[in-house]
């Protein structure tokens, strides 16, 4: 069983999409093994997105991710990373396939409702950023 991190970003929470996003994961047989709602501080958002620190969009990304609460989830299932990314759709909503979360609900490339780990190594790092071992169902 593979695990991955998924975040419902501030725009998804604000639009009332938490249930819809979770429903899509569960319909695809991805099991939620941990979940929490939190409001990132600037330091926490900068730490999570540190890999993008030198990119021109870093400042606006941090500002957006601290603009409201998020929901962090750990999803588990066969091929969870790829399946989660398929459900989310391409980062740019204009390139996302019909029926994906981003195609259906994103506003733009930044306000695209969800985040998901892109590789097994990133998934481990990202899961550990938000959850400790006592918070994840085994």
C-alpha atoms as a PDB file:
ATOM      1  CA  UNK A   1       0.000   0.000   0.000  1.00  0.00           C
ATOM      2  CA  UNK A   2       1.296   3.399  -0.984  1.00  0.00           C
ATOM      3  CA  UNK A   3       0.622   6.625   0.903  1.00  0.00           C
ATOM      4  CA  UNK A   4       0.520  10.188  -0.330  1.00  0.00           C
ATOM      5  CA  UNK A   5      -0.226  13.642   1.045  1.00  0.00           C
ATOM      6  CA  UNK A   6      -3.134  15.652  -0.262  1.00  0.00           C
ATOM      7  CA  UNK A   7      -3.953  19.216   0.747  1.00  0.00           C
ATOM      8  CA  UNK A   8      -7.237  20.961   0.185  1.00  0.00           C
ATOM      9  CA  UNK A   9      -5.992  24.514  -0.265  1.00  0.00           C
ATOM     10  CA  UNK A  10      -7.598  27.675   1.154  1.00  0.00           C
ATOM     11  CA  UNK A  11      -9.691  28.237  -1.976  1.00  0.00           C
ATOM     12  CA  UNK A  12     -11.116  24.712  -1.764  1.00  0.00           C
ATOM     13  CA  UNK A  13     -11.986  25.164   1.906  1.00  0.00           C
ATOM     14  CA  UNK A  14     -13.503  28.593   1.254  1.00  0.00           C
ATOM     15  CA  UNK A  15     -15.620  27.238  -1.613  1.00  0.00           C
ATOM     16  CA  UNK A  16     -16.973  24.457   0.625  1.00  0.00           C
ATOM     17  CA  UNK A  17     -15.350  21.680  -1.389  1.00  0.00           C
ATOM     18  CA  UNK A  18     -13.936  19.562   1.457  1.00  0.00           C
ATOM     19  CA  UNK A  19     -16.687  16.944   1.197  1.00  0.00           C
ATOM     20  CA  UNK A  20     -16.610  16.877  -2.609  1.00  0.00           C
ATOM     21  CA  UNK A  21     -12.830  16.351  -2.691  1.00  0.00           C
ATOM     22  CA  UNK A  22     -12.993  13.609  -0.054  1.00  0.00           C
ATOM     23  CA  UNK A  23     -15.877  11.941  -1.923  1.00  0.00           C
ATOM     24  CA  UNK A  24     -13.776  11.776  -5.094  1.00  0.00           C
ATOM     25  CA  UNK A  25     -10.866  10.184  -3.231  1.00  0.00           C
ATOM     26  CA  UNK A  26     -13.102   7.647  -1.522  1.00  0.00           C
ATOM     27  CA  UNK A  27     -14.957   6.792  -4.771  1.00  0.00           C
ATOM     28  CA  UNK A  28     -11.534   5.961  -6.223  1.00  0.00           C
ATOM     29  CA  UNK A  29     -10.794   3.582  -3.339  1.00  0.00           C
ATOM     30  CA  UNK A  30      -8.225   5.835  -1.700  1.00  0.00           C
ATOM     31  CA  UNK A  31      -8.493   5.371   2.049  1.00  0.00           C
ATOM     32  CA  UNK A  32      -8.072   8.403   4.312  1.00  0.00           C
ATOM     33  CA  UNK A  33      -5.706   7.326   7.086  1.00  0.00           C
ATOM     34  CA  UNK A  34      -5.175  10.801   8.591  1.00  0.00           C
ATOM     35  CA  UNK A  35      -6.851  14.183   8.286  1.00  0.00           C
ATOM     36  CA  UNK A  36      -6.662  17.575   9.976  1.00  0.00           C
ATOM     37  CA  UNK A  37      -7.743  21.139   9.359  1.00  0.00           C
ATOM     38  CA  UNK A  38      -5.197  23.843  10.110  1.00  0.00           C
ATOM     39  CA  UNK A  39      -4.185  27.374   9.238  1.00  0.00           C
ATOM     40  CA  UNK A  40      -0.563  27.603   8.104  1.00  0.00           C
ATOM     41  CA  UNK A  41       1.664  30.345   9.443  1.00  0.00           C
ATOM     42  CA  UNK A  42       4.007  32.115   7.060  1.00  0.00           C
ATOM     43  CA  UNK A  43       6.951  30.134   8.469  1.00  0.00           C
ATOM     44  CA  UNK A  44       5.106  26.820   8.018  1.00  0.00           C
ATOM     45  CA  UNK A  45       4.098  27.634   4.436  1.00  0.00           C
ATOM     46  CA  UNK A  46       7.623  28.797   3.581  1.00  0.00           C
ATOM     47  CA  UNK A  47       9.014  25.573   5.035  1.00  0.00           C
ATOM     48  CA  UNK A  48       6.612  23.358   3.142  1.00  0.00           C
ATOM     49  CA  UNK A  49       7.248  25.113  -0.181  1.00  0.00           C
ATOM     50  CA  UNK A  50      10.996  25.676   0.415  1.00  0.00           C
ATOM     51  CA  UNK A  51      11.773  23.749  -2.775  1.00  0.00           C
ATOM     52  CA  UNK A  52      10.224  26.689  -4.680  1.00  0.00           C
ATOM     53  CA  UNK A  53      12.010  29.425  -2.708  1.00  0.00           C
ATOM     54  CA  UNK A  54      13.929  30.774  -5.715  1.00  0.00           C
ATOM     55  CA  UNK A  55      10.926  30.684  -8.055  1.00  0.00           C
ATOM     56  CA  UNK A  56       9.153  33.971  -8.885  1.00  0.00           C
ATOM     57  CA  UNK A  57       5.791  32.688  -7.586  1.00  0.00           C
ATOM     58  CA  UNK A  58       7.091  31.709  -4.127  1.00  0.00           C
ATOM     59  CA  UNK A  59       5.871  34.853  -2.342  1.00  0.00           C
ATOM     60  CA  UNK A  60       2.371  34.755  -3.775  1.00  0.00           C
ATOM     61  CA  UNK A  61       2.141  30.992  -3.129  1.00  0.00           C
ATOM     62  CA  UNK A  62       3.031  31.472   0.544  1.00  0.00           C
ATOM     63  CA  UNK A  63       0.595  34.386   0.818  1.00  0.00           C
ATOM     64  CA  UNK A  64      -2.178  32.286  -0.726  1.00  0.00           C
ATOM     65  CA  UNK A  65      -1.471  29.215   1.416  1.00  0.00           C
ATOM     66  CA  UNK A  66      -1.657  31.334   4.588  1.00  0.00           C
ATOM     67  CA  UNK A  67      -4.823  33.164   3.514  1.00  0.00           C
ATOM     68  CA  UNK A  68      -7.169  30.653   5.152  1.00  0.00           C
ATOM     69  CA  UNK A  69      -7.417  27.168   6.584  1.00  0.00           C
ATOM     70  CA  UNK A  70      -6.370  24.044   4.688  1.00  0.00           C
ATOM     71  CA  UNK A  71      -7.206  20.372   5.133  1.00  0.00           C
ATOM     72  CA  UNK A  72      -4.277  17.955   5.132  1.00  0.00           C
ATOM     73  CA  UNK A  73      -4.975  14.307   4.344  1.00  0.00           C
ATOM     74  CA  UNK A  74      -2.923  11.155   4.101  1.00  0.00           C
ATOM     75  CA  UNK A  75      -4.345   8.889   1.421  1.00  0.00           C
ATOM     76  CA  UNK A  76      -3.536   5.201   1.145  1.00  0.00           C
ATOM     77  CA  UNK A  77      -4.073   2.694  -1.627  1.00  0.00           C
ATOM     78  CA  UNK A  78      -2.517   0.884  -4.540  1.00  0.00           C
ATOM     79  CA  UNK A  79      -0.684   3.430  -6.685  1.00  0.00           C
ATOM     80  CA  UNK A  80      -1.988   6.208  -4.398  1.00  0.00           C
ATOM     81  CA  UNK A  81       0.345   8.923  -5.699  1.00  0.00           C
ATOM     82  CA  UNK A  82      -0.564   8.476  -9.356  1.00  0.00           C
ATOM     83  CA  UNK A  83      -4.244   7.941  -8.619  1.00  0.00           C
ATOM     84  CA  UNK A  84      -4.375  11.095  -6.480  1.00  0.00           C
ATOM     85  CA  UNK A  85      -2.659  13.106  -9.206  1.00  0.00           C
ATOM     86  CA  UNK A  86      -5.073  11.732 -11.822  1.00  0.00           C
ATOM     87  CA  UNK A  87      -8.047  12.749  -9.640  1.00  0.00           C
ATOM     88  CA  UNK A  88      -6.575  16.235  -9.088  1.00  0.00           C
ATOM     89  CA  UNK A  89      -5.736  16.886 -12.746  1.00  0.00           C
ATOM     90  CA  UNK A  90      -2.986  19.045 -14.224  1.00  0.00           C
ATOM     91  CA  UNK A  91      -1.735  21.989 -12.153  1.00  0.00           C
ATOM     92  CA  UNK A  92      -3.036  24.391 -14.802  1.00  0.00           C
ATOM     93  CA  UNK A  93      -6.813  24.000 -14.941  1.00  0.00           C
ATOM     94  CA  UNK A  94      -6.757  24.791 -18.668  1.00  0.00           C
ATOM     95  CA  UNK A  95      -4.649  21.651 -19.225  1.00  0.00           C
ATOM     96  CA  UNK A  96      -6.594  19.444 -16.790  1.00  0.00           C
ATOM     97  CA  UNK A  97      -8.830  16.666 -18.058  1.00  0.00           C
ATOM     98  CA  UNK A  98     -12.600  16.907 -17.780  1.00  0.00           C
ATOM     99  CA  UNK A  99     -13.952  15.578 -14.500  1.00  0.00           C
ATOM    100  CA  UNK A 100     -10.799  16.292 -12.471  1.00  0.00           C
ATOM    101  CA  UNK A 101     -10.888  18.437  -9.351  1.00  0.00           C
ATOM    102  CA  UNK A 102      -8.829  21.213 -10.891  1.00  0.00           C
ATOM    103  CA  UNK A 103     -10.789  21.295 -14.155  1.00  0.00           C
ATOM    104  CA  UNK A 104     -14.057  21.418 -12.229  1.00  0.00           C
ATOM    105  CA  UNK A 105     -13.145  23.869  -9.456  1.00  0.00           C
ATOM    106  CA  UNK A 106      -9.814  25.713  -9.926  1.00  0.00           C
ATOM    107  CA  UNK A 107      -9.710  29.454 -10.497  1.00  0.00           C
ATOM    108  CA  UNK A 108      -6.167  29.606 -11.906  1.00  0.00           C
ATOM    109  CA  UNK A 109      -2.781  27.873 -11.724  1.00  0.00           C
ATOM    110  CA  UNK A 110      -2.234  28.978  -8.099  1.00  0.00           C
ATOM    111  CA  UNK A 111      -5.784  28.755  -6.778  1.00  0.00           C
ATOM    112  CA  UNK A 112      -6.244  25.192  -7.944  1.00  0.00           C
ATOM    113  CA  UNK A 113      -7.998  23.699  -4.886  1.00  0.00           C
ATOM    114  CA  UNK A 114      -5.624  20.798  -4.138  1.00  0.00           C
ATOM    115  CA  UNK A 115      -1.999  19.746  -3.732  1.00  0.00           C
ATOM    116  CA  UNK A 116      -0.659  16.212  -3.985  1.00  0.00           C
ATOM    117  CA  UNK A 117       2.745  14.626  -3.571  1.00  0.00           C
ATOM    118  CA  UNK A 118       4.502  13.915  -6.866  1.00  0.00           C
ATOM    119  CA  UNK A 119       6.769  10.976  -5.926  1.00  0.00           C
ATOM    120  CA  UNK A 120       7.256   8.389  -3.158  1.00  0.00           C
ATOM    121  CA  UNK A 121      10.158  10.322  -1.601  1.00  0.00           C
ATOM    122  CA  UNK A 122       8.215  13.586  -1.610  1.00  0.00           C
ATOM    123  CA  UNK A 123       5.178  11.847  -0.153  1.00  0.00           C
ATOM    124  CA  UNK A 124       7.177  10.635   2.865  1.00  0.00           C
ATOM    125  CA  UNK A 125       8.659  14.098   3.450  1.00  0.00           C
ATOM    126  CA  UNK A 126       5.328  15.885   3.009  1.00  0.00           C
ATOM    127  CA  UNK A 127       3.375  13.463   5.199  1.00  0.00           C
ATOM    128  CA  UNK A 128       5.952  13.877   7.969  1.00  0.00           C
ATOM    129  CA  UNK A 129       5.715  17.673   7.605  1.00  0.00           C
ATOM    130  CA  UNK A 130       2.056  17.620   8.639  1.00  0.00           C
ATOM    131  CA  UNK A 131       1.568  14.427  10.667  1.00  0.00           C
ATOM    132  CA  UNK A 132       3.381  12.559  13.399  1.00  0.00           C
ATOM    133  CA  UNK A 133       3.192   8.796  13.921  1.00  0.00           C
ATOM    134  CA  UNK A 134       0.428   9.120  16.542  1.00  0.00           C
ATOM    135  CA  UNK A 135      -1.880  10.863  14.052  1.00  0.00           C
ATOM    136  CA  UNK A 136      -1.851   8.278  11.268  1.00  0.00           C
ATOM    137  CA  UNK A 137      -4.061   5.196  11.389  1.00  0.00           C
ATOM    138  CA  UNK A 138      -2.101   2.016  10.760  1.00  0.00           C
END
